[in-house]
Amino acid sequence: MSDMNIDQVLAQMRAMSIEAGKKPQEVSDNGEFSNVLKQSIDAVNTAQHASASKAKAFETGDSNVSLAEVMIASQKANVSFQAMVQVRNKLVDAYKDVMNMPM
């Protein structure tokens, strides 16, 4: 890997580190839970598609896509998917708790 690619990957890692340290965005009062959940699912879907398209471009020999970019996109998609699975699990647990409440 050339120095330019290493510097680019390091810059991306620093940007991701800064992004991870930010506070979560506040949800406005008029934003319904279903809208927020749909936006989150759409973001995960977008990350999955971006990862797949970068992997396909790399596999076909596109010189504009490096292995590091493919791996980073893949990990972003994986982390976002795992986070969405955890949110789903918490929602299912909350639903079960509400259903088991005495009337």
C-alpha atoms as a PDB file:
ATOM      1  CA  MET A   1       0.000   0.000   0.000  1.00  0.00           C
ATOM      2  CA  SER A   2       1.432   3.390  -0.876  1.00  0.00           C
ATOM      3  CA  ASP A   3       1.960   6.240   1.590  1.00  0.00           C
ATOM      4  CA  MET A   4      -0.909   8.141  -0.014  1.00  0.00           C
ATOM      5  CA  ASN A   5      -3.338   5.282   0.630  1.00  0.00           C
ATOM      6  CA  ILE A   6      -2.133   4.900   4.216  1.00  0.00           C
ATOM      7  CA  ASP A   7      -2.602   8.609   4.841  1.00  0.00           C
ATOM      8  CA  GLN A   8      -6.065   8.446   3.316  1.00  0.00           C
ATOM      9  CA  VAL A   9      -7.046   5.473   5.482  1.00  0.00           C
ATOM     10  CA  LEU A  10      -5.662   7.170   8.597  1.00  0.00           C
ATOM     11  CA  ALA A  11      -7.624  10.323   7.779  1.00  0.00           C
ATOM     12  CA  GLN A  12     -10.796   8.256   7.396  1.00  0.00           C
ATOM     13  CA  MET A  13     -10.126   6.510  10.711  1.00  0.00           C
ATOM     14  CA  ARG A  14      -9.605   9.854  12.465  1.00  0.00           C
ATOM     15  CA  ALA A  15     -12.822  11.212  10.969  1.00  0.00           C
ATOM     16  CA  MET A  16     -14.715   8.116  12.097  1.00  0.00           C
ATOM     17  CA  SER A  17     -13.226   8.447  15.576  1.00  0.00           C
ATOM     18  CA  ILE A  18     -14.370  12.046  15.831  1.00  0.00           C
ATOM     19  CA  GLU A  19     -17.801  11.096  14.500  1.00  0.00           C
ATOM     20  CA  ALA A  20     -18.119   8.295  17.062  1.00  0.00           C
ATOM     21  CA  GLY A  21     -17.319  10.702  19.895  1.00  0.00           C
ATOM     22  CA  LYS A  22     -20.114  13.124  19.004  1.00  0.00           C
ATOM     23  CA  LYS A  23     -23.329  13.223  20.946  1.00  0.00           C
ATOM     24  CA  PRO A  24     -26.296  11.542  19.277  1.00  0.00           C
ATOM     25  CA  GLN A  25     -28.626  13.847  17.412  1.00  0.00           C
ATOM     26  CA  GLU A  26     -31.662  14.961  19.303  1.00  0.00           C
ATOM     27  CA  VAL A  27     -34.971  13.833  17.896  1.00  0.00           C
ATOM     28  CA  SER A  28     -37.407  16.666  17.392  1.00  0.00           C
ATOM     29  CA  ASP A  29     -40.740  16.568  19.188  1.00  0.00           C
ATOM     30  CA  ASN A  30     -42.674  16.222  15.953  1.00  0.00           C
ATOM     31  CA  GLY A  31     -40.577  13.244  14.764  1.00  0.00           C
ATOM     32  CA  GLU A  32     -42.500  10.052  15.337  1.00  0.00           C
ATOM     33  CA  PHE A  33     -40.729   6.929  16.517  1.00  0.00           C
ATOM     34  CA  SER A  34     -41.697   5.069  13.362  1.00  0.00           C
ATOM     35  CA  ASN A  35     -40.071   7.760  11.195  1.00  0.00           C
ATOM     36  CA  VAL A  36     -36.860   7.655  13.218  1.00  0.00           C
ATOM     37  CA  LEU A  37     -36.799   3.864  13.055  1.00  0.00           C
ATOM     38  CA  LYS A  38     -37.389   3.906   9.291  1.00  0.00           C
ATOM     39  CA  GLN A  39     -34.557   6.410   8.795  1.00  0.00           C
ATOM     40  CA  SER A  40     -32.250   4.182  10.823  1.00  0.00           C
ATOM     41  CA  ILE A  41     -33.175   1.109   8.814  1.00  0.00           C
ATOM     42  CA  ASP A  42     -32.678   3.056   5.583  1.00  0.00           C
ATOM     43  CA  ALA A  43     -29.213   4.146   6.764  1.00  0.00           C
ATOM     44  CA  VAL A  44     -28.262   0.522   7.480  1.00  0.00           C
ATOM     45  CA  ASN A  45     -29.611  -0.505   4.075  1.00  0.00           C
ATOM     46  CA  THR A  46     -27.583   2.236   2.387  1.00  0.00           C
ATOM     47  CA  ALA A  47     -24.424   1.105   4.181  1.00  0.00           C
ATOM     48  CA  GLN A  48     -25.062  -2.493   3.084  1.00  0.00           C
ATOM     49  CA  HIS A  49     -25.542  -1.444  -0.551  1.00  0.00           C
ATOM     50  CA  ALA A  50     -22.445   0.779  -0.489  1.00  0.00           C
ATOM     51  CA  SER A  51     -20.396  -2.099   0.889  1.00  0.00           C
ATOM     52  CA  ALA A  52     -21.684  -4.513  -1.737  1.00  0.00           C
ATOM     53  CA  SER A  53     -21.050  -2.081  -4.589  1.00  0.00           C
ATOM     54  CA  LYS A  54     -17.478  -1.367  -3.423  1.00  0.00           C
ATOM     55  CA  ALA A  55     -16.799  -5.090  -3.084  1.00  0.00           C
ATOM     56  CA  LYS A  56     -18.171  -5.761  -6.566  1.00  0.00           C
ATOM     57  CA  ALA A  57     -16.104  -2.906  -8.020  1.00  0.00           C
ATOM     58  CA  PHE A  58     -12.967  -4.270  -6.368  1.00  0.00           C
ATOM     59  CA  GLU A  59     -13.701  -7.809  -7.571  1.00  0.00           C
ATOM     60  CA  THR A  60     -14.122  -6.603 -11.142  1.00  0.00           C
ATOM     61  CA  GLY A  61     -10.748  -4.868 -11.032  1.00  0.00           C
ATOM     62  CA  ASP A  62     -11.777  -1.214 -10.707  1.00  0.00           C
ATOM     63  CA  SER A  63      -8.552   0.680 -10.017  1.00  0.00           C
ATOM     64  CA  ASN A  64     -10.424   3.462  -8.175  1.00  0.00           C
ATOM     65  CA  VAL A  65     -11.381   1.134  -5.299  1.00  0.00           C
ATOM     66  CA  SER A  66      -8.750  -0.140  -2.904  1.00  0.00           C
ATOM     67  CA  LEU A  67      -8.959  -3.144  -0.627  1.00  0.00           C
ATOM     68  CA  ALA A  68      -8.831  -0.822   2.398  1.00  0.00           C
ATOM     69  CA  GLU A  69     -11.924   1.036   1.178  1.00  0.00           C
ATOM     70  CA  VAL A  70     -13.744  -2.251   0.659  1.00  0.00           C
ATOM     71  CA  MET A  71     -12.836  -3.470   4.136  1.00  0.00           C
ATOM     72  CA  ILE A  72     -13.834  -0.180   5.794  1.00  0.00           C
ATOM     73  CA  ALA A  73     -17.176  -0.132   3.983  1.00  0.00           C
ATOM     74  CA  SER A  74     -17.731  -3.755   4.957  1.00  0.00           C
ATOM     75  CA  GLN A  75     -16.998  -3.063   8.613  1.00  0.00           C
ATOM     76  CA  LYS A  76     -19.242   0.026   8.631  1.00  0.00           C
ATOM     77  CA  ALA A  77     -22.065  -2.051   7.207  1.00  0.00           C
ATOM     78  CA  ASN A  78     -21.434  -4.847   9.700  1.00  0.00           C
ATOM     79  CA  VAL A  79     -21.341  -2.522  12.715  1.00  0.00           C
ATOM     80  CA  SER A  80     -24.491  -0.685  11.649  1.00  0.00           C
ATOM     81  CA  PHE A  81     -26.292  -3.988  11.067  1.00  0.00           C
ATOM     82  CA  GLN A  82     -25.230  -5.362  14.452  1.00  0.00           C
ATOM     83  CA  ALA A  83     -26.409  -2.157  16.137  1.00  0.00           C
ATOM     84  CA  MET A  84     -29.767  -2.463  14.387  1.00  0.00           C
ATOM     85  CA  VAL A  85     -30.077  -6.077  15.564  1.00  0.00           C
ATOM     86  CA  GLN A  86     -29.433  -4.960  19.144  1.00  0.00           C
ATOM     87  CA  VAL A  87     -32.081  -2.241  18.842  1.00  0.00           C
ATOM     88  CA  ARG A  88     -34.522  -4.812  17.501  1.00  0.00           C
ATOM     89  CA  ASN A  89     -33.755  -7.137  20.412  1.00  0.00           C
ATOM     90  CA  LYS A  90     -34.371  -4.343  22.921  1.00  0.00           C
ATOM     91  CA  LEU A  91     -37.665  -3.460  21.225  1.00  0.00           C
ATOM     92  CA  VAL A  92     -38.803  -7.075  21.352  1.00  0.00           C
ATOM     93  CA  ASP A  93     -37.851  -7.283  25.039  1.00  0.00           C
ATOM     94  CA  ALA A  94     -39.762  -4.067  25.774  1.00  0.00           C
ATOM     95  CA  TYR A  95     -42.797  -5.390  23.889  1.00  0.00           C
ATOM     96  CA  LYS A  96     -42.716  -8.621  25.903  1.00  0.00           C
ATOM     97  CA  ASP A  97     -42.455  -6.648  29.151  1.00  0.00           C
ATOM     98  CA  VAL A  98     -45.461  -4.520  28.219  1.00  0.00           C
ATOM     99  CA  MET A  99     -47.481  -7.573  27.210  1.00  0.00           C
ATOM    100  CA  ASN A 100     -46.682  -9.314  30.507  1.00  0.00           C
ATOM    101  CA  MET A 101     -47.848  -6.350  32.634  1.00  0.00           C
ATOM    102  CA  PRO A 102     -50.896  -7.065  34.739  1.00  0.00           C
ATOM    103  CA  MET A 103     -54.025  -5.173  33.740  1.00  0.00           C
END
